Amino acid sequence: MTIESMGQQAKAAARILAQVSTEEKNAALQNIADRLWVEREAILPANQEDLAAAQAA
């Protein structure tokens, strides 16, 4: 995936999100937060590995 394609996807997503209600956006963000909390025990060690690899580079 190129930077250009990511930008195009972000622009398309922004157009869609502009049409979504605040309540729907808030619900989506809450669902994301809930999922991150549930998966934290897997996410945090993976983040530590990424940080260690970045510091070693």
N, C-alpha and C. Protein backbone atom coordinates (compact mmCIF):
# COMPACT_ATOMS: atom_id res chain seq x y z
N MET A 1 0.85 -1.17 0.00
CA MET A 1 0.00 0.00 0.00
C MET A 1 0.90 1.24 0.00
N THR A 2 0.62 2.13 -0.89
CA THR A 2 1.43 3.35 -1.00
C THR A 2 0.81 4.46 -0.16
N ILE A 3 1.60 5.50 0.08
CA ILE A 3 1.11 6.68 0.78
C ILE A 3 -0.06 7.29 0.01
N GLU A 4 0.06 7.32 -1.30
CA GLU A 4 -1.00 7.89 -2.13
C GLU A 4 -2.31 7.11 -1.96
N SER A 5 -2.22 5.79 -1.99
CA SER A 5 -3.45 4.99 -1.85
C SER A 5 -4.03 5.13 -0.44
N MET A 6 -3.18 5.24 0.57
CA MET A 6 -3.68 5.46 1.93
C MET A 6 -4.40 6.80 2.02
N GLY A 7 -3.85 7.81 1.37
CA GLY A 7 -4.49 9.12 1.36
C GLY A 7 -5.84 9.07 0.67
N GLN A 8 -5.91 8.34 -0.43
CA GLN A 8 -7.19 8.20 -1.15
C GLN A 8 -8.22 7.48 -0.29
N GLN A 9 -7.78 6.45 0.40
CA GLN A 9 -8.70 5.72 1.28
C GLN A 9 -9.17 6.59 2.44
N ALA A 10 -8.26 7.39 2.99
CA ALA A 10 -8.63 8.28 4.09
C ALA A 10 -9.64 9.32 3.62
N LYS A 11 -9.44 9.85 2.43
CA LYS A 11 -10.36 10.84 1.89
C LYS A 11 -11.75 10.22 1.68
N ALA A 12 -11.79 9.01 1.15
CA ALA A 12 -13.06 8.33 0.94
C ALA A 12 -13.75 8.06 2.28
N ALA A 13 -12.98 7.64 3.27
CA ALA A 13 -13.55 7.39 4.59
C ALA A 13 -14.09 8.67 5.21
N ALA A 14 -13.39 9.78 5.01
CA ALA A 14 -13.84 11.07 5.55
C ALA A 14 -15.19 11.46 4.95
N ARG A 15 -15.36 11.20 3.66
CA ARG A 15 -16.65 11.51 3.01
C ARG A 15 -17.78 10.69 3.63
N ILE A 16 -17.50 9.44 3.89
CA ILE A 16 -18.52 8.56 4.48
C ILE A 16 -18.83 9.01 5.91
N LEU A 17 -17.78 9.27 6.69
CA LEU A 17 -17.98 9.66 8.08
C LEU A 17 -18.71 10.98 8.22
N ALA A 18 -18.56 11.86 7.24
CA ALA A 18 -19.26 13.14 7.27
C ALA A 18 -20.77 12.96 7.23
N GLN A 19 -21.22 11.82 6.75
CA GLN A 19 -22.65 11.56 6.62
C GLN A 19 -23.21 10.72 7.77
N VAL A 20 -22.35 10.30 8.66
CA VAL A 20 -22.77 9.45 9.78
C VAL A 20 -23.10 10.34 10.98
N SER A 21 -24.13 9.96 11.71
CA SER A 21 -24.53 10.77 12.87
C SER A 21 -23.49 10.70 13.98
N THR A 22 -23.54 11.71 14.83
CA THR A 22 -22.64 11.75 15.99
C THR A 22 -22.84 10.52 16.86
N GLU A 23 -24.08 10.12 17.04
CA GLU A 23 -24.38 8.96 17.88
C GLU A 23 -23.74 7.69 17.31
N GLU A 24 -23.80 7.54 15.99
CA GLU A 24 -23.20 6.36 15.36
C GLU A 24 -21.68 6.39 15.48
N LYS A 25 -21.09 7.57 15.31
CA LYS A 25 -19.63 7.70 15.47
C LYS A 25 -19.23 7.38 16.90
N ASN A 26 -19.98 7.92 17.86
CA ASN A 26 -19.67 7.64 19.26
C ASN A 26 -19.79 6.16 19.58
N ALA A 27 -20.81 5.51 19.04
CA ALA A 27 -20.98 4.07 19.27
C ALA A 27 -19.82 3.29 18.67
N ALA A 28 -19.38 3.68 17.49
CA ALA A 28 -18.26 2.99 16.85
C ALA A 28 -16.99 3.17 17.67
N LEU A 29 -16.75 4.39 18.15
CA LEU A 29 -15.56 4.64 18.98
C LEU A 29 -15.62 3.85 20.28
N GLN A 30 -16.80 3.75 20.87
CA GLN A 30 -16.95 2.98 22.10
C GLN A 30 -16.68 1.50 21.85
N ASN A 31 -17.16 0.99 20.72
CA ASN A 31 -16.89 -0.41 20.37
C ASN A 31 -15.41 -0.65 20.19
N ILE A 32 -14.71 0.29 19.56
CA ILE A 32 -13.26 0.16 19.38
C ILE A 32 -12.57 0.16 20.74
N ALA A 33 -12.95 1.10 21.61
CA ALA A 33 -12.36 1.17 22.94
C ALA A 33 -12.60 -0.11 23.72
N ASP A 34 -13.82 -0.63 23.65
CA ASP A 34 -14.14 -1.88 24.35
C ASP A 34 -13.28 -3.03 23.84
N ARG A 35 -13.13 -3.12 22.53
CA ARG A 35 -12.34 -4.22 21.95
C ARG A 35 -10.87 -4.10 22.34
N LEU A 36 -10.34 -2.86 22.33
CA LEU A 36 -8.96 -2.66 22.75
C LEU A 36 -8.77 -3.10 24.20
N TRP A 37 -9.73 -2.78 25.05
CA TRP A 37 -9.64 -3.17 26.46
C TRP A 37 -9.64 -4.69 26.60
N VAL A 38 -10.52 -5.35 25.88
CA VAL A 38 -10.61 -6.81 25.94
C VAL A 38 -9.31 -7.45 25.45
N GLU A 39 -8.72 -6.89 24.42
CA GLU A 39 -7.53 -7.48 23.80
C GLU A 39 -6.21 -6.94 24.37
N ARG A 40 -6.28 -6.14 25.43
CA ARG A 40 -5.08 -5.46 25.95
C ARG A 40 -3.96 -6.43 26.35
N GLU A 41 -4.33 -7.61 26.86
CA GLU A 41 -3.29 -8.55 27.28
C GLU A 41 -2.49 -9.09 26.11
N ALA A 42 -3.04 -9.06 24.92
CA ALA A 42 -2.29 -9.45 23.72
C ALA A 42 -1.62 -8.24 23.09
N ILE A 43 -2.28 -7.09 23.16
CA ILE A 43 -1.78 -5.88 22.50
C ILE A 43 -0.54 -5.33 23.20
N LEU A 44 -0.57 -5.25 24.52
CA LEU A 44 0.54 -4.61 25.24
C LEU A 44 1.88 -5.32 25.04
N PRO A 45 1.95 -6.65 25.14
CA PRO A 45 3.23 -7.31 24.88
C PRO A 45 3.70 -7.11 23.43
N ALA A 46 2.77 -7.13 22.50
CA ALA A 46 3.15 -6.90 21.10
C ALA A 46 3.69 -5.49 20.91
N ASN A 47 3.08 -4.52 21.58
CA ASN A 47 3.59 -3.15 21.51
C ASN A 47 5.00 -3.06 22.10
N GLN A 48 5.23 -3.76 23.20
CA GLN A 48 6.56 -3.76 23.81
C GLN A 48 7.60 -4.34 22.85
N GLU A 49 7.23 -5.40 22.15
CA GLU A 49 8.14 -5.99 21.16
C GLU A 49 8.44 -4.99 20.05
N ASP A 50 7.42 -4.29 19.58
CA ASP A 50 7.62 -3.29 18.53
C ASP A 50 8.53 -2.17 19.01
N LEU A 51 8.33 -1.71 20.24
CA LEU A 51 9.18 -0.65 20.79
C LEU A 51 10.63 -1.12 20.91
N ALA A 52 10.82 -2.33 21.39
CA ALA A 52 12.18 -2.87 21.53
C ALA A 52 12.85 -2.98 20.16
N ALA A 53 12.12 -3.43 19.17
CA ALA A 53 12.68 -3.55 17.82
C ALA A 53 13.03 -2.18 17.25
N ALA A 54 12.18 -1.19 17.49
CA ALA A 54 12.45 0.16 16.99
C ALA A 54 13.67 0.76 17.68
N GLN A 55 13.81 0.52 18.97
CA GLN A 55 14.96 1.06 19.70
C GLN A 55 16.25 0.37 19.28
N ALA A 56 16.17 -0.90 18.91
CA ALA A 56 17.36 -1.64 18.49
C ALA A 56 17.80 -1.25 17.08
N ALA A 57 16.90 -0.71 16.30
CA ALA A 57 17.21 -0.36 14.90
C ALA A 57 18.07 0.88 14.80
